[in-house]
Structures are given as structure tokens and as C-alpha cells.
Amino acid sequence: MIDLIKHSKTLQHIIRMVLDPVNYLLKKKNRIVLYSNWGFRDNVAYLYKYLIDNNYNENNEIICISNDFYDIDKNEIKNVSFKKSGFSTLHYYLSSKYFFYCFGGIPVKPGKNQVVFNLWHGMPWKKIGLLDGDNNGRKLDYFTHILSYSSFFTPIIAQSFGVSEDKVVTSNAPRNEPFIGNDEIQKVEHKRTIAWLPTYRKSSKLSSKNGNSDNILPLIADENQLAKLDKIAKANDTNIFIKLHPLQDVTEIKAEYSNIIFVDEQWLSKRKQGLYEFLATMDALITDFSSISVDYLLLNRPIYYILDDKESYQNSRGLNYTIDDFLAGAEVNTFEELCDIFEDESDRFSELRLRKLKEFYDYTDSGSKRILEIVGVEK
């Protein structure tokens, strides 16, 4: 029901006419709500971990709401409750002083003295929100605060959500906690490890009649190329961990490989890891237009950008910045250049990464700690 409301401008208008004034007047309980309608992960999951690790639940009631909690430990944690998303979500939104989310959001304006914090899920290299042509004019300003890493991103964040810049809070992200102070690689094995996180593609196929811009894996035309990549990785004692976008269908990829491992949220939860704890163990990152490259800068390890479809991507989805604004590593445009990554252990871009880190981050300490202090959550 909540998702239906969010995607219907008429329903939003009706709901807001009724609930906006009600929410403004309702007295709020001193309660912390962490909400995600797309699995309990990313910034809300890492904020939850920080709250528990630092004993905020001793004197605060914490409600976690999601459609999927994966394998999270729910056993007798003091003052913590886990709720399946549904109509109760609206109840907790209307009755709680602190409401944090990174996927979803409730299309009702915050009440008097209520904190509604949109943690979002990455800095917007790609066009998002009101700047995305697929938005259809929906209002997105139902929060009191929204996250930005630095003044570099703040204007675009404000424009994307249709708010003034005084609603934008500059801080590191909760999900980046595993990267803080991680100067040494916490390796899980002796092999070189590379994570490959492509951004969302419309296709569910390895090959496409429309060219590589629609392929589920950019630069990979078919299973034969994937097998060749696996062989090269094995010869260079390297494991490649591929995590596709959560909306991506991987049913076409049926073969098993020796050095290519496909990763998803279930794979991580079985190993009692979040994505960012896992990434902290990787020697390098392959990505493209994903904001994960901004986060990975905190580790100062090699980043490779697959940008063979940059013109078509720019023309379809659209970018907020130029390629040069974001690039902090080698650009990869052909399958051959992709294969070369696994034979190249040089690091030519360390200084560039440090320059981009200073540009993209105003703060590199704990984002969870800073955010909780800003909004007034006390232990």
C-alpha cells in the first residue's frame, strides 16, 4: 500500500491533505525508527549496527521495519523490535520522533519537532529524483534532513529532491563505517581479490542485439567471454566477486566458474557480512557509473571504471557531472582492457584518489555518530 501511494500523484495529494496536518499535531514518542522497503541493508542497516554496538538501545526504543531482514539476529535485543513493512509503517511514522530511511520513505510531511532523515543510498553521479526524466513530477520532499558527503554534492542533492540546501546535512555515510580506519587490507584469503559492481542495466542477458549498453555485464558479450575472463583470473591467482544490481535478473548465467563468484544479499548474509564489510576485504574495485566508487575512495585502493557505453548512458539515464569530475582510476573500454586488469598490479592513481577524496568528502570520520549528534539522538 505504501508503494502504491508513493507512485500515485493523486493518492499522494489526498493522503497529504489528510495526514500532513494530523502528523504535524500528533505528539511523538521518543522512539527511533529505521525503515527500508527494499531489504534491511545499506545505510539503515549500518546505522542500526552502530546504534546497537554503541548501546543506544539501552535507553531508546528502536523499531526496524522492512520487507526483508535477511539473516539478521533478532534474538532478545533490548528495546529493539522488528516489523514487517505494511500499514504499521504509517503508524510508526506518525507516532515516532526519529525516522530514518534510505529506500522508500513515507509521502507525509514531517510533524512538529519530528526528525525524518533521508539517508539515501549514494552520491548522485547519475541523475536521480526530480532530475531523472522518469520521475513524472512526484514530490520527494517529505523529510527534514537529507545526506550529502560534501559541498561538491550538496547543490545536486537539493535540486534532485526539490529542497533548499539548509535541509542537506554534510556527513560521511553510515554504510562507510567499515572503511574508516581500515588502512590495512583485512584479507579473507591469500589470493588477489577484486569486486565488480556494475550499475543497473535494463537487460537480463549477457548478449544483446542492441549492443553492450544493454548487457547485464558491460563488455561481456556471452558465456564464452565470461569463461575466458575466469581462465585469466585463475592464471593470475585472482578471484572476481561480481555483485549485480539488486533489480538485475541473473537467471541467464548458468555456468559455474573457478575464480568468478556471483554475490548477492543472501550470499553475504549467510557469511554474516554486510556489503561494505565485504568490500573492505577487496584489493580493488571494478565499477562504472555507480556511486560505490565514491565510497571506495576511503580505502585508497585501485578503482577501474568500465565506461564503454558512456555516450548512450548519458543520453538515456543522464549524468549530473562529467566523466572527468568523477574518474579516480583507469578507464576500461574493451574486453581486452578488462582482461589486462588481472595482469596489472601497478597503482598509478593513488594521488588522484586522494585528491578526489578531499573533494568528495567534508568529513571522513563516523557518519553514524555525526548524524545522530546533529539530530539530537542521545544514548
Protein backbone atom coordinates (compact mmCIF):
# COMPACT_ATOMS: atom_id res chain seq x y z
CA MET A 1 0.00 0.00 0.00
CA ILE A 2 2.81 2.42 0.87
CA ASP A 3 4.47 1.74 -2.50
CA LEU A 4 1.17 2.37 -4.30
CA ILE A 5 0.83 5.74 -2.57
CA LYS A 6 4.37 6.74 -3.50
CA HIS A 7 3.76 6.08 -7.20
CA SER A 8 0.36 7.78 -7.47
CA LYS A 9 0.32 11.59 -7.51
CA THR A 10 -3.46 11.63 -6.89
CA LEU A 11 -3.22 9.37 -3.85
CA GLN A 12 -0.26 11.35 -2.56
CA HIS A 13 -2.24 14.57 -2.81
CA ILE A 14 -5.23 13.10 -0.95
CA ILE A 15 -3.12 11.45 1.73
CA ARG A 16 -1.08 14.59 2.33
CA MET A 17 -4.19 16.77 2.61
CA VAL A 18 -5.43 14.49 5.39
CA LEU A 19 -2.27 13.31 7.11
CA ASP A 20 0.04 16.32 6.83
CA PRO A 21 -1.93 18.37 9.40
CA VAL A 22 -2.57 15.27 11.55
CA ASN A 23 1.14 14.40 11.64
CA TYR A 24 2.05 17.99 12.42
CA LEU A 25 -0.13 17.99 15.54
CA LEU A 26 0.36 14.43 16.84
CA LYS A 27 2.60 14.06 19.85
CA LYS A 28 5.64 11.89 19.11
CA LYS A 29 7.11 9.13 21.22
CA ASN A 30 10.86 9.36 21.82
CA ARG A 31 11.42 6.40 19.50
CA ILE A 32 13.92 5.64 16.70
CA VAL A 33 12.53 4.02 13.54
CA LEU A 34 14.76 2.54 10.83
CA TYR A 35 12.84 1.84 7.63
CA SER A 36 13.62 0.29 4.25
CA ASN A 37 11.10 -1.10 1.77
CA TRP A 38 13.89 -2.78 -0.23
CA GLY A 39 15.55 -5.08 2.25
CA PHE A 40 17.12 -4.09 5.58
CA ARG A 41 20.51 -3.09 4.21
CA ASP A 42 22.68 -0.18 3.16
CA ASN A 43 22.62 2.96 5.34
CA VAL A 44 19.76 1.92 7.65
CA ALA A 45 21.42 -1.44 8.38
CA TYR A 46 24.76 0.20 9.19
CA LEU A 47 23.10 2.88 11.32
CA TYR A 48 21.31 0.08 13.19
CA LYS A 49 24.61 -1.72 13.78
CA TYR A 50 26.18 1.49 15.11
CA LEU A 51 23.24 2.08 17.45
CA ILE A 52 23.48 -1.43 18.91
CA ASP A 53 27.29 -1.53 19.06
CA ASN A 54 27.27 1.76 20.98
CA ASN A 55 24.39 0.85 23.34
CA TYR A 56 21.85 3.40 22.12
CA ASN A 57 19.20 0.75 22.68
CA GLU A 58 19.76 0.83 26.46
CA ASN A 59 17.63 3.97 26.78
CA ASN A 60 15.96 4.21 23.37
CA GLU A 61 13.24 2.12 21.77
CA ILE A 62 14.30 1.12 18.26
CA ILE A 63 11.84 -0.15 15.64
CA CYS A 64 13.23 -1.76 12.47
CA ILE A 65 10.77 -2.01 9.56
CA SER A 66 11.42 -3.76 6.25
CA ASN A 67 10.08 -6.23 3.72
CA ASP A 68 13.15 -8.48 4.23
CA PHE A 69 15.56 -8.73 7.16
CA TYR A 70 17.73 -11.45 5.56
CA ASP A 71 19.50 -13.36 8.36
CA ILE A 72 19.75 -10.52 10.88
CA ASP A 73 19.93 -11.60 14.52
CA LYS A 74 16.58 -10.80 16.14
CA ASN A 75 17.12 -12.67 19.40
CA GLU A 76 16.23 -10.71 22.55
CA ILE A 77 17.95 -7.43 21.79
CA LYS A 78 16.92 -4.95 24.45
CA ASN A 79 14.35 -2.34 23.33
CA VAL A 80 14.55 -3.47 19.68
CA SER A 81 11.60 -4.72 17.61
CA PHE A 82 11.47 -5.94 14.01
CA LYS A 83 8.32 -5.30 11.98
CA LYS A 84 7.26 -6.37 8.52
CA SER A 85 6.52 -3.32 6.35
CA GLY A 86 2.83 -2.65 5.82
CA PHE A 87 0.14 -0.49 7.40
CA SER A 88 2.05 -0.47 10.69
CA THR A 89 4.77 1.54 8.92
CA LEU A 90 2.46 4.54 8.77
CA HIS A 91 1.59 4.14 12.47
CA TYR A 92 5.24 4.20 13.50
CA TYR A 93 5.95 7.10 11.16
CA LEU A 94 3.16 9.21 12.64
CA SER A 95 3.99 8.38 16.26
CA SER A 96 7.82 8.47 16.36
CA LYS A 97 10.20 11.37 16.89
CA TYR A 98 13.07 9.92 14.80
CA PHE A 99 12.52 8.23 11.45
CA PHE A 100 15.47 7.20 9.24
CA TYR A 101 15.26 5.65 5.78
CA CYS A 102 17.40 5.08 2.68
CA PHE A 103 14.91 3.22 0.44
CA GLY A 104 11.26 4.09 0.43
CA GLY A 105 10.08 6.99 2.54
CA ILE A 106 6.57 7.97 3.62
CA PRO A 107 4.87 10.67 1.49
CA VAL A 108 3.65 12.63 4.51
CA LYS A 109 5.29 15.85 5.67
CA PRO A 110 7.19 15.58 8.98
CA GLY A 111 5.41 16.67 12.09
CA LYS A 112 6.28 19.36 14.58
CA ASN A 113 9.64 18.59 16.23
CA GLN A 114 9.87 15.32 14.25
CA VAL A 115 13.15 14.27 12.57
CA VAL A 116 12.74 12.46 9.27
CA PHE A 117 16.17 11.73 7.82
CA ASN A 118 16.61 10.56 4.22
CA LEU A 119 19.97 8.75 4.29
CA TRP A 120 19.62 7.90 0.58
CA HIS A 121 21.98 5.32 -0.95
CA GLY A 122 24.92 7.03 -2.59
CA MET A 123 26.06 10.28 -4.12
CA PRO A 124 24.37 11.15 -7.43
CA TRP A 125 26.79 10.75 -10.31
CA LYS A 126 23.70 9.59 -12.24
CA LYS A 127 20.58 11.75 -12.41
CA ILE A 128 18.09 10.90 -9.67
CA GLY A 129 14.83 12.21 -8.28
CA LEU A 130 13.43 15.34 -9.92
CA LEU A 131 16.37 15.47 -12.34
CA ASP A 132 15.58 11.97 -13.62
CA GLY A 133 13.25 12.07 -16.63
CA ASP A 134 11.27 9.09 -15.28
CA ASN A 135 10.17 10.89 -12.11
CA ASN A 136 6.77 12.01 -13.52
CA GLY A 137 6.60 15.07 -11.28
CA ARG A 138 6.25 13.27 -7.94
CA LYS A 139 7.07 15.27 -4.82
CA LEU A 140 10.05 13.93 -2.88
CA ASP A 141 10.48 16.50 -0.11
CA TYR A 142 8.91 14.53 2.79
CA PHE A 143 11.88 14.75 5.17
CA THR A 144 13.61 17.22 7.46
CA HIS A 145 17.18 16.19 6.58
CA ILE A 146 18.96 14.53 3.67
CA LEU A 147 22.55 13.32 3.45
CA SER A 148 25.37 14.76 1.35
CA TYR A 149 29.06 13.87 1.60
CA SER A 150 30.31 17.38 0.84
CA SER A 151 29.64 20.79 -0.70
CA PHE A 152 30.54 19.19 -4.05
CA PHE A 153 27.31 17.16 -3.96
CA THR A 154 25.01 19.40 -1.91
CA PRO A 155 23.56 21.55 -4.76
CA ILE A 156 22.68 18.49 -6.85
CA ILE A 157 21.18 16.68 -3.84
CA ALA A 158 18.98 19.71 -3.12
CA GLN A 159 17.86 20.02 -6.75
CA SER A 160 17.21 16.29 -7.07
CA PHE A 161 14.77 16.29 -4.14
CA GLY A 162 13.32 19.77 -4.56
CA VAL A 163 14.51 21.18 -1.24
CA SER A 164 16.61 24.09 -0.06
CA GLU A 165 20.23 23.42 0.82
CA ASP A 166 19.58 24.05 4.51
CA LYS A 167 17.88 20.63 4.64
CA VAL A 168 21.07 18.96 3.38
CA VAL A 169 23.33 17.56 6.12
CA THR A 170 27.01 17.10 5.28
CA SER A 171 28.42 13.91 6.73
CA ASN A 172 30.04 10.62 5.87
CA ALA A 173 27.53 7.80 5.32
CA PRO A 174 26.71 5.14 7.93
CA ARG A 175 27.39 2.43 5.34
CA ASN A 176 31.01 3.62 5.10
CA GLU A 177 31.76 2.70 8.73
CA PRO A 178 33.73 -0.47 7.73
CA PHE A 179 36.04 1.69 5.60
CA ILE A 180 37.02 4.07 8.40
CA GLY A 181 40.50 3.48 9.81
CA ASN A 182 40.88 0.45 7.55
CA ASP A 183 44.45 1.17 6.42
CA GLU A 184 45.43 -2.48 6.16
CA ILE A 185 43.60 -4.93 3.91
CA GLN A 186 41.64 -7.37 6.08
CA LYS A 187 42.09 -10.24 3.70
CA VAL A 188 39.97 -13.35 3.85
CA GLU A 189 42.36 -15.28 1.61
CA HIS A 190 45.82 -15.06 0.06
CA LYS A 191 44.62 -14.57 -3.49
CA ARG A 192 44.21 -11.13 -5.02
CA THR A 193 40.52 -10.21 -4.79
CA ILE A 194 38.59 -7.82 -7.00
CA ALA A 195 34.96 -6.79 -6.55
CA TRP A 196 32.94 -5.94 -9.66
CA LEU A 197 29.76 -3.94 -9.03
CA PRO A 198 28.12 -2.80 -12.27
CA THR A 199 25.25 -0.36 -12.10
CA TYR A 200 21.73 -1.31 -13.19
CA ARG A 201 21.21 -2.34 -16.82
CA LYS A 202 17.76 -2.89 -18.33
CA SER A 203 18.65 -6.24 -19.86
CA SER A 204 18.80 -9.60 -18.08
CA LYS A 205 21.01 -11.06 -20.79
CA LEU A 206 24.72 -11.42 -21.34
CA SER A 207 24.31 -10.66 -25.04
CA SER A 208 22.02 -8.13 -26.65
CA LYS A 209 21.01 -7.20 -30.17
CA ASN A 210 21.22 -3.54 -29.14
CA GLY A 211 24.89 -3.62 -28.18
CA ASN A 212 26.82 -3.71 -24.93
CA SER A 213 24.94 -0.81 -23.34
CA ASP A 214 22.07 -3.25 -22.65
CA ASN A 215 24.17 -6.18 -21.45
CA ILE A 216 23.77 -7.38 -17.88
CA LEU A 217 27.59 -7.20 -17.62
CA PRO A 218 29.22 -4.45 -19.67
CA LEU A 219 31.92 -5.67 -22.07
CA ILE A 220 30.82 -9.31 -21.64
CA ALA A 221 29.13 -10.47 -24.83
CA ASP A 222 28.46 -14.13 -23.94
CA GLU A 223 29.34 -17.08 -21.70
CA ASN A 224 32.49 -17.72 -23.72
CA GLN A 225 33.92 -14.35 -22.75
CA LEU A 226 32.97 -14.90 -19.14
CA ALA A 227 34.76 -18.26 -19.25
CA LYS A 228 37.83 -16.61 -20.78
CA LEU A 229 37.85 -13.98 -18.04
CA ASP A 230 37.62 -16.72 -15.44
CA LYS A 231 40.62 -18.50 -17.01
CA ILE A 232 42.71 -15.30 -16.96
CA ALA A 233 41.77 -14.63 -13.34
CA LYS A 234 42.79 -18.16 -12.37
CA ALA A 235 46.13 -17.84 -14.18
CA ASN A 236 46.80 -14.65 -12.18
CA ASP A 237 45.69 -16.10 -8.84
CA THR A 238 42.76 -13.67 -8.60
CA ASN A 239 39.17 -14.09 -7.50
CA ILE A 240 36.49 -11.86 -9.06
CA PHE A 241 33.39 -11.27 -6.94
CA ILE A 242 30.53 -9.93 -9.06
CA LYS A 243 27.59 -8.31 -7.31
CA LEU A 244 24.91 -7.28 -9.76
CA HIS A 245 22.34 -4.61 -9.02
CA PRO A 246 19.54 -5.97 -6.74
CA LEU A 247 16.97 -5.44 -9.52
CA GLN A 248 19.05 -7.37 -12.05
CA ASP A 249 17.88 -10.81 -13.14
CA VAL A 250 20.76 -13.31 -13.30
CA THR A 251 18.85 -16.38 -14.45
CA GLU A 252 20.67 -16.48 -17.79
CA ILE A 253 24.05 -17.03 -16.12
CA LYS A 254 24.03 -20.76 -15.51
CA ALA A 255 27.67 -21.89 -15.75
CA GLU A 256 29.91 -22.28 -12.71
CA TYR A 257 33.40 -20.80 -12.62
CA SER A 258 36.52 -21.41 -10.61
CA ASN A 259 37.52 -17.79 -9.96
CA ILE A 260 34.34 -15.84 -10.67
CA ILE A 261 31.86 -15.76 -7.79
CA PHE A 262 28.43 -14.12 -8.05
CA VAL A 263 27.41 -12.36 -4.84
CA ASP A 264 24.00 -11.18 -3.61
CA GLU A 265 22.49 -10.15 -0.27
CA GLN A 266 21.66 -13.75 0.65
CA TRP A 267 25.26 -14.82 -0.11
CA LEU A 268 26.55 -12.07 2.17
CA SER A 269 24.07 -12.67 5.00
CA LYS A 270 24.97 -16.38 5.13
CA ARG A 271 28.55 -15.25 5.79
CA LYS A 272 27.39 -12.74 8.42
CA GLN A 273 28.70 -9.84 6.33
CA GLY A 274 27.24 -6.64 5.01
CA LEU A 275 28.33 -5.49 1.58
CA TYR A 276 30.71 -2.89 2.97
CA GLU A 277 32.46 -5.25 5.39
CA PHE A 278 32.95 -7.49 2.37
CA LEU A 279 34.27 -4.66 0.17
CA ALA A 280 36.74 -3.73 2.90
CA THR A 281 38.47 -7.06 2.23
CA MET A 282 38.84 -6.46 -1.52
CA ASP A 283 42.12 -5.40 -3.14
CA ALA A 284 40.43 -3.43 -5.93
CA LEU A 285 37.05 -2.40 -7.36
CA ILE A 286 35.60 -2.55 -10.87
CA THR A 287 32.53 -0.41 -11.41
CA ASP A 288 31.09 2.16 -13.85
CA PHE A 289 28.53 4.86 -13.06
CA SER A 290 27.83 3.51 -9.57
CA SER A 291 28.28 5.74 -6.52
CA ILE A 292 30.13 2.84 -4.89
CA SER A 293 33.31 4.30 -6.43
CA VAL A 294 32.90 7.40 -4.23
CA ASP A 295 32.63 5.25 -1.10
CA TYR A 296 35.58 3.04 -2.07
CA LEU A 297 37.86 6.11 -2.20
CA LEU A 298 38.00 5.94 1.60
CA LEU A 299 40.17 2.80 1.26
CA ASN A 300 42.55 4.36 -1.28
CA ARG A 301 42.74 1.17 -3.33
CA PRO A 302 42.63 0.81 -7.14
CA ILE A 303 39.36 1.52 -8.94
CA TYR A 304 38.66 0.57 -12.58
CA TYR A 305 35.78 2.20 -14.48
CA ILE A 306 34.04 0.39 -17.34
CA LEU A 307 32.67 3.24 -19.45
CA ASP A 308 32.29 1.79 -22.93
CA ASP A 309 28.65 2.91 -23.06
CA LYS A 310 29.16 6.37 -21.57
CA GLU A 311 27.57 8.22 -24.51
CA SER A 312 24.42 6.07 -24.63
CA TYR A 313 24.18 6.11 -20.82
CA GLN A 314 24.48 9.90 -20.80
CA ASN A 315 21.76 10.19 -23.43
CA SER A 316 19.37 7.77 -21.70
CA ARG A 317 19.79 7.94 -17.91
CA GLY A 318 21.86 11.12 -17.79
CA LEU A 319 24.72 12.24 -15.57
CA ASN A 320 24.99 15.15 -13.13
CA TYR A 321 28.74 15.51 -13.63
CA THR A 322 31.30 14.92 -16.34
CA ILE A 323 33.35 11.73 -16.50
CA ASP A 324 36.49 13.68 -15.60
CA ASP A 325 34.77 15.07 -12.49
CA PHE A 326 34.41 11.56 -11.11
CA LEU A 327 37.20 9.43 -12.52
CA ALA A 328 39.79 8.36 -9.93
CA GLY A 329 41.32 5.40 -11.76
CA ALA A 330 41.79 3.67 -15.08
CA GLU A 331 39.06 3.82 -17.73
CA VAL A 332 38.27 0.45 -19.34
CA ASN A 333 36.52 0.41 -22.71
CA THR A 334 37.15 -3.00 -24.28
CA PHE A 335 37.07 -6.65 -23.24
CA GLU A 336 40.83 -6.81 -23.83
CA GLU A 337 41.41 -3.91 -21.45
CA LEU A 338 39.22 -5.66 -18.88
CA CYS A 339 41.37 -8.79 -19.15
CA ASP A 340 44.52 -6.68 -18.69
CA ILE A 341 43.34 -5.63 -15.21
CA PHE A 342 44.15 -9.06 -13.84
CA GLU A 343 47.74 -8.92 -15.05
CA ASP A 344 48.31 -5.38 -13.79
CA GLU A 345 49.10 -4.89 -10.10
CA SER A 346 50.57 -1.41 -10.52
CA ASP A 347 48.88 1.53 -8.83
CA ARG A 348 49.23 4.72 -10.85
CA PHE A 349 46.27 6.62 -9.42
CA SER A 350 46.90 6.86 -5.67
CA GLU A 351 47.48 10.63 -5.70
CA LEU A 352 44.41 11.23 -7.87
CA ARG A 353 42.26 9.19 -5.48
CA LEU A 354 43.47 11.28 -2.54
CA ARG A 355 42.63 14.50 -4.40
CA LYS A 356 39.14 13.21 -5.21
CA LEU A 357 38.69 12.07 -1.60
CA LYS A 358 39.28 15.64 -0.37
CA GLU A 359 36.88 16.99 -2.98
CA PHE A 360 34.10 14.48 -2.35
CA TYR A 361 34.23 14.35 1.47
CA ASP A 362 34.00 17.12 4.05
CA TYR A 363 34.20 14.50 6.82
CA THR A 364 35.82 11.05 6.78
CA ASP A 365 35.04 10.02 10.35
CA SER A 366 31.97 8.12 11.57
CA GLY A 367 28.89 9.24 9.68
CA SER A 368 26.54 7.48 12.10
CA LYS A 369 27.99 9.33 15.10
CA ARG A 370 27.83 12.70 13.38
CA ILE A 371 24.28 12.24 12.09
CA LEU A 372 22.93 11.14 15.49
CA GLU A 373 24.59 14.12 17.17
CA ILE A 374 23.18 16.56 14.61
CA VAL A 375 19.58 15.42 15.09
CA GLY A 376 19.89 15.09 18.85
CA VAL A 377 19.65 11.34 19.47
CA GLU A 378 21.22 10.61 22.86
CA LYS A 379 22.27 7.34 24.46
